[in-house]
N, C-alpha and C. Protein backbone atom coordinates (compact mmCIF):
# COMPACT_ATOMS: atom_id res chain seq x y z
N MET A 1 -95.34 12.46 -87.05
CA MET A 1 -95.95 13.62 -86.85
C MET A 1 -96.02 13.92 -88.41
N ASN A 2 -97.37 14.53 -88.53
CA ASN A 2 -97.94 14.60 -89.75
C ASN A 2 -98.16 16.05 -90.14
N THR A 3 -97.14 16.76 -90.74
CA THR A 3 -97.01 17.82 -90.78
C THR A 3 -98.03 18.63 -91.71
N THR A 4 -98.44 17.82 -92.85
CA THR A 4 -99.39 18.31 -93.70
C THR A 4 -100.83 18.49 -93.04
N TYR A 5 -101.19 17.59 -92.18
CA TYR A 5 -102.22 17.59 -91.67
C TYR A 5 -102.28 18.52 -90.13
N ASN A 6 -101.11 18.95 -89.59
CA ASN A 6 -100.98 19.99 -88.84
C ASN A 6 -100.93 21.19 -89.33
N LYS A 7 -100.63 21.55 -90.67
CA LYS A 7 -100.57 22.60 -91.15
C LYS A 7 -102.08 23.22 -91.57
N GLN A 8 -102.74 21.76 -92.10
CA GLN A 8 -104.31 22.16 -92.33
C GLN A 8 -104.95 22.21 -90.96
N LEU A 9 -104.53 21.76 -89.89
CA LEU A 9 -105.24 22.14 -88.62
C LEU A 9 -105.08 23.50 -88.55
N PHE A 10 -103.82 23.90 -88.44
CA PHE A 10 -103.31 25.37 -87.90
C PHE A 10 -104.20 26.05 -88.68
N THR A 11 -104.02 25.95 -90.11
CA THR A 11 -105.14 26.70 -91.02
C THR A 11 -106.58 27.04 -90.50
N THR A 12 -107.12 25.86 -90.11
CA THR A 12 -108.50 25.78 -89.77
C THR A 12 -108.68 26.56 -88.33
N ILE A 13 -107.75 26.02 -87.84
CA ILE A 13 -108.11 27.11 -86.21
C ILE A 13 -107.65 28.37 -86.75
N ARG A 14 -106.81 29.28 -87.27
CA ARG A 14 -106.80 30.46 -87.63
C ARG A 14 -108.00 30.87 -88.36
N LYS A 15 -108.81 30.36 -89.32
CA LYS A 15 -110.11 30.79 -89.67
C LYS A 15 -111.16 30.63 -88.62
N LEU A 16 -111.11 29.89 -87.91
CA LEU A 16 -111.80 29.93 -86.62
C LEU A 16 -112.08 31.09 -85.69
N ILE A 17 -110.61 31.36 -85.50
CA ILE A 17 -110.49 32.36 -84.55
C ILE A 17 -111.04 33.72 -85.21
N THR A 18 -110.66 33.66 -86.58
CA THR A 18 -111.28 34.95 -87.28
C THR A 18 -112.62 35.11 -87.25
N ALA A 19 -113.58 33.74 -87.88
CA ALA A 19 -114.66 34.03 -87.91
C ALA A 19 -115.52 33.96 -86.18
N LEU A 20 -114.93 33.87 -85.35
CA LEU A 20 -115.59 33.81 -83.85
C LEU A 20 -115.00 35.22 -83.46
N ARG A 21 -114.48 36.01 -83.80
CA ARG A 21 -114.36 37.45 -83.24
C ARG A 21 -115.33 38.14 -82.75
N ILE A 22 -116.56 37.98 -83.17
CA ILE A 22 -117.59 38.49 -82.69
C ILE A 22 -118.14 37.95 -81.39
N PHE A 23 -117.52 36.96 -80.85
CA PHE A 23 -117.68 36.41 -79.64
C PHE A 23 -116.81 36.94 -78.46
N GLN A 24 -115.72 37.99 -79.03
CA GLN A 24 -114.46 38.32 -78.22
C GLN A 24 -115.19 39.19 -77.10
N ASN A 25 -114.45 39.29 -75.85
CA ASN A 25 -114.93 39.76 -74.62
C ASN A 25 -115.41 41.30 -74.94
N GLU A 26 -114.66 42.05 -75.45
CA GLU A 26 -115.07 43.62 -75.82
C GLU A 26 -115.89 43.73 -76.86
N THR A 27 -116.48 42.79 -77.80
CA THR A 27 -117.28 43.17 -78.72
C THR A 27 -118.64 43.31 -78.24
N ILE A 28 -119.31 44.19 -78.80
CA ILE A 28 -120.51 44.23 -78.67
C ILE A 28 -121.15 43.16 -79.71
N PHE A 29 -122.30 42.35 -78.94
CA PHE A 29 -122.51 41.39 -79.60
C PHE A 29 -124.18 41.32 -79.77
N CYS A 30 -124.86 41.80 -79.12
CA CYS A 30 -126.32 42.22 -79.56
C CYS A 30 -126.83 42.69 -78.04
N GLY A 31 -127.78 43.81 -78.42
CA GLY A 31 -128.49 44.31 -77.23
C GLY A 31 -127.45 44.99 -76.37
N ASP A 32 -126.08 45.72 -76.77
CA ASP A 32 -125.41 46.50 -75.77
C ASP A 32 -125.01 45.83 -74.77
N VAL A 33 -124.79 44.29 -75.18
CA VAL A 33 -124.11 43.34 -74.15
C VAL A 33 -122.93 42.61 -75.10
N THR A 34 -121.76 42.16 -74.33
CA THR A 34 -120.77 41.45 -74.85
C THR A 34 -121.27 39.92 -74.72
N PHE A 35 -120.63 39.20 -75.76
CA PHE A 35 -120.98 37.56 -75.45
C PHE A 35 -120.47 36.97 -74.06
N THR A 36 -119.44 37.72 -73.69
CA THR A 36 -119.13 37.32 -72.30
C THR A 36 -120.47 37.51 -71.25
N GLN A 37 -120.63 38.99 -71.33
CA GLN A 37 -121.58 39.36 -70.55
C GLN A 37 -123.18 38.64 -71.03
N PHE A 38 -123.40 38.29 -71.89
CA PHE A 38 -124.51 37.49 -72.17
C PHE A 38 -124.28 35.89 -71.46
N SER A 39 -123.15 35.37 -71.85
CA SER A 39 -122.87 34.22 -71.11
C SER A 39 -123.24 34.21 -69.74
N ILE A 40 -122.94 35.42 -68.78
CA ILE A 40 -122.83 35.63 -67.51
C ILE A 40 -124.33 35.52 -67.08
N LEU A 41 -125.17 36.68 -67.63
CA LEU A 41 -126.52 36.40 -67.69
C LEU A 41 -127.56 35.33 -67.86
N ASN A 42 -127.03 34.68 -68.69
CA ASN A 42 -127.33 33.00 -68.80
C ASN A 42 -127.07 32.23 -67.75
N TYR A 43 -125.87 32.07 -67.21
CA TYR A 43 -125.73 31.41 -66.22
C TYR A 43 -126.47 31.79 -64.88
N VAL A 44 -126.62 33.35 -64.85
CA VAL A 44 -127.43 33.42 -63.27
C VAL A 44 -129.10 33.34 -63.64
N SER A 45 -129.32 33.21 -64.98
CA SER A 45 -131.03 33.08 -65.23
C SER A 45 -131.42 31.72 -65.23
N LYS A 46 -130.18 30.73 -65.31
CA LYS A 46 -130.89 29.48 -64.94
C LYS A 46 -131.31 29.18 -63.61
N THR A 47 -131.05 30.05 -62.44
CA THR A 47 -131.59 29.74 -61.26
C THR A 47 -131.91 30.87 -60.77
N GLY A 48 -131.34 32.07 -61.17
CA GLY A 48 -131.95 33.59 -60.65
C GLY A 48 -130.92 33.97 -59.72
N VAL A 49 -130.24 33.02 -59.09
CA VAL A 49 -128.81 33.42 -58.39
C VAL A 49 -127.71 32.46 -58.62
N LEU A 50 -126.53 33.08 -58.41
CA LEU A 50 -125.47 32.42 -58.76
C LEU A 50 -124.08 33.14 -57.99
N GLU A 51 -123.51 32.03 -56.91
CA GLU A 51 -122.20 32.62 -56.15
C GLU A 51 -121.25 33.15 -57.43
N MET A 52 -120.67 34.10 -56.75
CA MET A 52 -119.42 34.75 -57.58
C MET A 52 -118.02 33.57 -57.73
N SER A 53 -118.01 32.73 -56.83
CA SER A 53 -116.91 31.89 -57.03
C SER A 53 -117.28 30.64 -57.86
N THR A 54 -118.54 30.32 -58.23
CA THR A 54 -119.13 29.24 -58.98
C THR A 54 -119.20 30.04 -60.45
N LEU A 55 -119.44 31.39 -60.81
CA LEU A 55 -119.37 32.02 -61.96
C LEU A 55 -117.52 32.25 -62.40
N HIS A 56 -116.70 32.46 -61.30
CA HIS A 56 -115.17 32.05 -61.95
C HIS A 56 -115.20 31.15 -62.20
N GLU A 57 -115.54 29.82 -61.76
CA GLU A 57 -115.06 28.78 -62.00
C GLU A 57 -115.64 28.11 -63.55
N LEU A 58 -117.01 28.82 -63.83
CA LEU A 58 -117.57 28.66 -65.10
C LEU A 58 -117.07 28.93 -65.94
N LEU A 59 -116.38 30.77 -65.68
CA LEU A 59 -115.44 31.18 -66.97
C LEU A 59 -114.30 30.99 -67.17
N SER A 60 -113.62 30.31 -65.84
CA SER A 60 -112.32 29.94 -66.39
C SER A 60 -111.44 31.21 -66.31
N VAL A 61 -111.63 32.30 -65.43
CA VAL A 61 -110.62 33.21 -65.38
C VAL A 61 -110.50 33.67 -64.08
N GLU A 62 -109.44 34.61 -64.15
CA GLU A 62 -109.09 35.19 -62.68
C GLU A 62 -110.15 35.76 -61.85
N LYS A 63 -110.22 35.74 -60.86
CA LYS A 63 -111.21 36.32 -59.95
C LYS A 63 -111.51 37.52 -59.99
N SER A 64 -110.33 38.34 -60.28
CA SER A 64 -110.34 40.03 -60.45
C SER A 64 -111.09 40.06 -62.02
N THR A 65 -110.93 39.06 -62.76
CA THR A 65 -111.32 39.01 -64.16
C THR A 65 -113.03 39.23 -63.89
N THR A 66 -113.65 38.30 -63.23
CA THR A 66 -115.06 37.82 -63.00
C THR A 66 -115.56 39.25 -62.64
N THR A 67 -114.95 39.78 -61.52
CA THR A 67 -115.57 40.93 -61.43
C THR A 67 -115.43 41.97 -62.12
N ARG A 68 -114.55 42.00 -62.92
CA ARG A 68 -114.49 43.05 -63.85
C ARG A 68 -115.59 42.69 -65.22
N LEU A 69 -115.92 41.55 -65.26
CA LEU A 69 -116.84 41.31 -66.18
C LEU A 69 -118.52 41.56 -65.79
N VAL A 70 -118.51 41.49 -64.58
CA VAL A 70 -119.60 41.54 -63.87
C VAL A 70 -120.47 43.07 -63.78
N GLU A 71 -119.15 43.59 -63.72
CA GLU A 71 -119.49 45.07 -63.07
C GLU A 71 -120.41 45.70 -64.04
N PRO A 72 -120.06 45.89 -65.44
CA PRO A 72 -120.98 46.33 -66.33
C PRO A 72 -122.63 45.76 -66.35
N LEU A 73 -122.61 44.75 -65.87
CA LEU A 73 -124.18 44.14 -65.86
C LEU A 73 -124.72 44.66 -64.24
N ILE A 74 -124.11 45.00 -63.77
CA ILE A 74 -124.57 45.48 -62.25
C ILE A 74 -124.85 47.13 -62.78
N THR A 75 -124.15 47.62 -63.32
CA THR A 75 -124.39 49.00 -63.65
C THR A 75 -125.62 49.22 -64.50
N LYS A 76 -125.97 48.50 -65.42
CA LYS A 76 -126.83 48.62 -66.50
C LYS A 76 -128.15 47.86 -65.67
N GLY A 77 -128.25 47.43 -64.55
CA GLY A 77 -129.20 47.12 -63.93
C GLY A 77 -129.50 45.64 -64.34
N CYS A 78 -128.63 44.69 -64.71
CA CYS A 78 -129.19 43.58 -65.05
C CYS A 78 -129.03 42.39 -63.81
N LEU A 79 -127.94 42.67 -63.01
CA LEU A 79 -127.71 41.75 -61.75
C LEU A 79 -127.44 42.62 -60.67
N GLU A 80 -127.52 42.04 -59.48
CA GLU A 80 -127.60 42.73 -58.37
C GLU A 80 -126.44 41.90 -57.49
N LYS A 81 -125.52 42.47 -56.79
CA LYS A 81 -124.57 41.49 -56.14
C LYS A 81 -125.05 41.85 -54.63
N ARG A 82 -125.14 40.61 -53.72
CA ARG A 82 -125.59 40.66 -52.47
C ARG A 82 -124.56 39.61 -51.88
N LYS A 83 -124.50 39.89 -50.43
CA LYS A 83 -123.88 39.04 -49.61
C LYS A 83 -125.02 37.69 -49.16
N SER A 84 -124.59 36.42 -49.45
CA SER A 84 -125.15 35.54 -48.93
C SER A 84 -126.05 35.57 -47.36
N LEU A 85 -127.22 35.09 -47.41
CA LEU A 85 -127.56 35.06 -46.12
C LEU A 85 -127.19 34.20 -45.21
N HIS A 86 -126.72 33.18 -45.89
CA HIS A 86 -125.94 31.96 -45.06
C HIS A 86 -124.59 32.12 -44.85
N ASP A 87 -124.13 32.86 -45.57
CA ASP A 87 -122.53 32.93 -45.13
C ASP A 87 -122.39 34.32 -45.68
N SER A 88 -122.10 35.40 -44.85
CA SER A 88 -121.49 36.70 -45.52
C SER A 88 -120.26 36.83 -46.12
N ARG A 89 -119.64 35.91 -46.04
CA ARG A 89 -118.45 35.86 -46.93
C ARG A 89 -118.53 35.63 -48.31
N VAL A 90 -119.65 34.97 -48.87
CA VAL A 90 -120.14 34.71 -49.99
C VAL A 90 -121.00 35.90 -50.89
N ILE A 91 -120.45 36.04 -51.98
CA ILE A 91 -120.90 37.18 -52.68
C ILE A 91 -121.94 36.29 -53.76
N GLU A 92 -123.26 36.83 -53.67
CA GLU A 92 -124.38 36.30 -54.87
C GLU A 92 -124.60 37.19 -55.86
N LEU A 93 -124.76 36.65 -57.12
CA LEU A 93 -125.46 37.45 -57.97
C LEU A 93 -127.12 37.29 -58.32
N HIS A 94 -127.73 38.19 -58.39
CA HIS A 94 -129.08 38.04 -58.60
C HIS A 94 -129.35 38.47 -59.98
N ILE A 95 -130.62 37.99 -60.57
CA ILE A 95 -130.71 38.80 -61.88
C ILE A 95 -131.83 39.67 -61.63
N THR A 96 -132.16 40.53 -62.41
CA THR A 96 -133.03 41.48 -62.01
C THR A 96 -133.90 41.56 -63.30
N THR A 97 -135.18 42.09 -63.04
CA THR A 97 -136.13 42.17 -64.13
C THR A 97 -135.56 42.75 -65.65
N GLU A 98 -134.88 43.61 -65.11
CA GLU A 98 -134.30 44.19 -66.50
C GLU A 98 -133.38 43.07 -66.87
N GLY A 99 -132.52 42.42 -66.29
CA GLY A 99 -131.53 41.40 -66.63
C GLY A 99 -132.66 40.32 -67.54
N LYS A 100 -133.73 39.99 -66.77
CA LYS A 100 -134.52 38.96 -67.63
C LYS A 100 -134.63 39.53 -68.99
N LYS A 101 -135.03 40.79 -68.94
CA LYS A 101 -135.76 41.16 -70.30
C LYS A 101 -134.33 41.44 -71.01
N VAL A 102 -133.39 41.72 -70.97
CA VAL A 102 -132.07 41.62 -71.76
C VAL A 102 -131.53 40.41 -72.24
N HIS A 103 -131.89 39.28 -71.25
CA HIS A 103 -131.54 37.89 -71.58
C HIS A 103 -132.46 37.67 -73.07
N HIS A 104 -133.55 37.78 -72.38
CA HIS A 104 -134.38 37.52 -73.36
C HIS A 104 -134.50 38.21 -74.87
N GLU A 105 -134.03 39.37 -75.06
CA GLU A 105 -133.86 39.90 -76.06
C GLU A 105 -132.45 39.74 -76.61
N VAL A 106 -131.48 39.35 -75.99
CA VAL A 106 -130.17 38.98 -76.66
C VAL A 106 -130.46 37.56 -76.85
N TRP A 107 -131.07 36.49 -76.28
CA TRP A 107 -131.30 35.23 -76.49
C TRP A 107 -132.07 35.13 -78.11
N SER A 108 -132.96 36.17 -77.95
CA SER A 108 -133.61 36.10 -79.05
C SER A 108 -132.82 36.48 -80.41
N CYS A 109 -131.78 37.38 -80.15
CA CYS A 109 -130.71 37.68 -81.45
C CYS A 109 -130.08 36.66 -81.78
N ILE A 110 -129.54 35.84 -80.63
CA ILE A 110 -128.67 34.64 -80.82
C ILE A 110 -129.59 33.49 -81.55
N ASN A 111 -130.68 33.32 -81.07
CA ASN A 111 -131.42 32.36 -81.98
C ASN A 111 -131.40 32.44 -83.48
N ASP A 112 -131.51 34.10 -84.04
CA ASP A 112 -131.73 34.35 -85.27
C ASP A 112 -130.16 34.23 -86.11
N PHE A 113 -129.36 34.48 -85.02
CA PHE A 113 -127.40 34.28 -85.47
C PHE A 113 -127.53 32.88 -85.67
N LEU A 114 -127.89 31.94 -84.84
CA LEU A 114 -127.90 30.34 -85.15
C LEU A 114 -128.63 29.88 -86.04
N ALA A 115 -129.96 30.31 -86.08
CA ALA A 115 -130.53 30.03 -87.42
C ALA A 115 -129.75 30.36 -88.75
N GLY A 116 -129.06 31.33 -88.87
CA GLY A 116 -128.64 31.57 -90.22
C GLY A 116 -127.37 30.61 -90.47
N MET A 117 -126.73 30.47 -89.28
CA MET A 117 -125.48 29.31 -89.41
C MET A 117 -126.41 27.92 -89.70
N ASN A 118 -127.26 27.98 -89.18
CA ASN A 118 -127.73 26.60 -89.12
C ASN A 118 -128.18 26.23 -90.42
N ASN A 119 -128.78 27.20 -91.36
CA ASN A 119 -129.32 27.33 -92.73
C ASN A 119 -128.19 26.98 -93.63
N SER A 120 -127.16 27.39 -93.16
CA SER A 120 -126.00 27.19 -94.16
C SER A 120 -125.26 25.70 -94.07
N ILE A 121 -125.71 24.73 -93.11
CA ILE A 121 -125.03 23.54 -93.22
C ILE A 121 -126.06 22.56 -93.55
N PRO A 122 -125.73 21.66 -94.23
CA PRO A 122 -126.24 20.80 -94.84
C PRO A 122 -127.25 19.85 -93.97
N THR A 123 -128.49 19.86 -94.07
CA THR A 123 -129.21 18.85 -93.18
C THR A 123 -128.57 17.43 -92.56
N ASP A 124 -128.00 16.80 -93.60
CA ASP A 124 -127.78 15.70 -93.32
C ASP A 124 -126.25 15.72 -92.63
N LYS A 125 -125.59 16.72 -92.41
CA LYS A 125 -124.17 17.33 -92.08
C LYS A 125 -124.49 17.90 -90.56
N LYS A 126 -125.57 18.43 -90.08
CA LYS A 126 -125.75 18.69 -88.87
C LYS A 126 -124.92 18.12 -87.55
N ASN A 127 -125.53 17.16 -87.32
CA ASN A 127 -124.78 16.11 -86.25
C ASN A 127 -123.31 15.94 -86.53
N ASP A 128 -123.04 15.51 -87.42
CA ASP A 128 -121.42 15.56 -87.83
C ASP A 128 -120.48 16.61 -87.39
N VAL A 129 -121.14 17.48 -87.76
CA VAL A 129 -120.82 19.40 -87.37
C VAL A 129 -120.66 19.17 -85.88
N LEU A 130 -121.73 19.26 -85.25
CA LEU A 130 -121.71 18.97 -83.64
C LEU A 130 -120.62 18.02 -83.17
N GLN A 131 -120.78 17.07 -83.65
CA GLN A 131 -119.61 15.83 -82.94
C GLN A 131 -118.19 16.28 -83.14
N ALA A 132 -118.10 16.83 -84.59
CA ALA A 132 -116.61 17.19 -84.53
C ALA A 132 -116.28 18.44 -83.98
N LEU A 133 -116.79 19.27 -83.63
CA LEU A 133 -116.96 20.53 -82.90
C LEU A 133 -116.67 20.11 -81.37
N ASP A 134 -117.44 19.01 -81.21
CA ASP A 134 -117.30 18.50 -79.47
C ASP A 134 -116.12 17.83 -79.48
N ILE A 135 -115.45 16.92 -80.31
CA ILE A 135 -114.10 16.13 -80.46
C ILE A 135 -113.04 17.31 -80.52
N PHE A 136 -113.25 18.11 -81.05
CA PHE A 136 -112.27 19.27 -81.40
C PHE A 136 -111.63 19.79 -79.87
N THR A 137 -112.86 20.31 -79.65
CA THR A 137 -113.11 21.40 -78.39
C THR A 137 -112.40 20.26 -77.29
N ASP A 138 -112.88 19.03 -76.86
CA ASP A 138 -112.48 18.20 -75.91
C ASP A 138 -110.82 17.93 -75.94
N SER A 139 -110.57 17.89 -77.57
CA SER A 139 -108.88 17.62 -77.81
C SER A 139 -108.12 18.89 -77.38
N ILE A 140 -108.48 20.15 -77.31
CA ILE A 140 -108.05 21.40 -76.61
C ILE A 140 -107.81 21.02 -75.74
N GLU A 141 -109.11 21.06 -75.02
CA GLU A 141 -109.05 21.13 -73.23
C GLU A 141 -108.16 20.05 -72.71
N SER A 142 -108.14 18.92 -73.49
CA SER A 142 -107.03 17.79 -72.85
C SER A 142 -105.71 17.88 -73.06
N CYS A 143 -105.12 18.79 -74.31
CA CYS A 143 -103.99 18.59 -74.95
C CYS A 143 -103.29 19.87 -74.13
N CYS A 144 -103.85 21.03 -74.00
CA CYS A 144 -103.34 22.25 -73.12
C CYS A 144 -102.37 22.16 -72.14
N LYS A 145 -101.28 21.59 -72.19
CA LYS A 145 -100.61 21.54 -71.25
C LYS A 145 -99.06 21.94 -71.69
N PRO A 146 -98.40 22.21 -71.09
CA PRO A 146 -97.21 22.74 -71.42
C PRO A 146 -95.92 22.06 -72.47
N SER A 147 -95.92 22.51 -73.68
CA SER A 147 -95.06 21.73 -74.20
C SER A 147 -93.26 22.28 -74.79
N SER A 148 -92.89 21.73 -75.48
CA SER A 148 -91.48 22.42 -75.77
C SER A 148 -91.87 23.80 -76.50
N CYS A 149 -93.05 24.01 -77.44
CA CYS A 149 -93.12 25.16 -78.00
C CYS A 149 -93.34 26.19 -76.97
N CYS A 150 -94.07 26.00 -76.02
CA CYS A 150 -94.76 26.78 -75.07
C CYS A 150 -93.61 27.67 -74.20
N GLN A 151 -94.03 28.53 -73.47
CA GLN A 151 -93.48 29.27 -72.57
C GLN A 151 -93.21 28.68 -70.97
N GLY A 152 -93.04 27.72 -71.06
CA GLY A 152 -92.86 27.06 -69.50
C GLY A 152 -93.81 26.63 -69.21
N LYS A 153 -93.89 26.21 -67.52
CA LYS A 153 -95.18 25.62 -67.00
C LYS A 153 -96.12 26.37 -66.65
N ASP A 154 -95.88 28.04 -66.94
CA ASP A 154 -97.14 28.77 -66.69
C ASP A 154 -98.00 29.35 -68.01
N ALA A 155 -97.54 28.62 -69.13
CA ALA A 155 -98.11 28.81 -70.35
C ALA A 155 -99.55 28.07 -70.49
N LEU A 156 -100.01 27.57 -69.38
CA LEU A 156 -101.47 26.63 -70.11
C LEU A 156 -102.38 27.61 -70.39
N ILE A 157 -103.33 26.69 -71.06
CA ILE A 157 -104.27 27.70 -71.58
C ILE A 157 -105.60 27.29 -71.12
N LYS A 158 -106.18 28.45 -70.51
CA LYS A 158 -107.80 28.54 -69.94
C LYS A 158 -108.75 28.65 -70.93
N LEU A 159 -109.69 27.78 -71.25
CA LEU A 159 -110.78 27.59 -71.92
C LEU A 159 -111.89 28.05 -70.72
């Protein structure tokens, strides 16, 4: 075990967590929506319709959490919740005209945000950064199983 490397990795993770706070569920990201709400709009906007069960899987959260995250978008008129015409047990989310407008506005804001980040990464390092982040997130997803430092078998991390 490389303790020095582990300490450096831990420090980097803490810095990432601090830097990524803007993406936390309850923080308004842009256009009066949170990053998670925008992610939901983005998923639904790809096809115009998305089943709640599919969204639940995409978000990797509890079903009740999926419902709680969707409700503000329904209240704002960005999404509509309807029963499927094919199976009345299935709930579908449909993007509205307002939802498309909000999605476009927030996506524009995100593009500006990402352009700022992009400008601070040296051109010759951009692909290296993306590759390193992919490797890092893949390693988190594959390693997050209970270990002796966790609190038992129910301490799995959902990404």
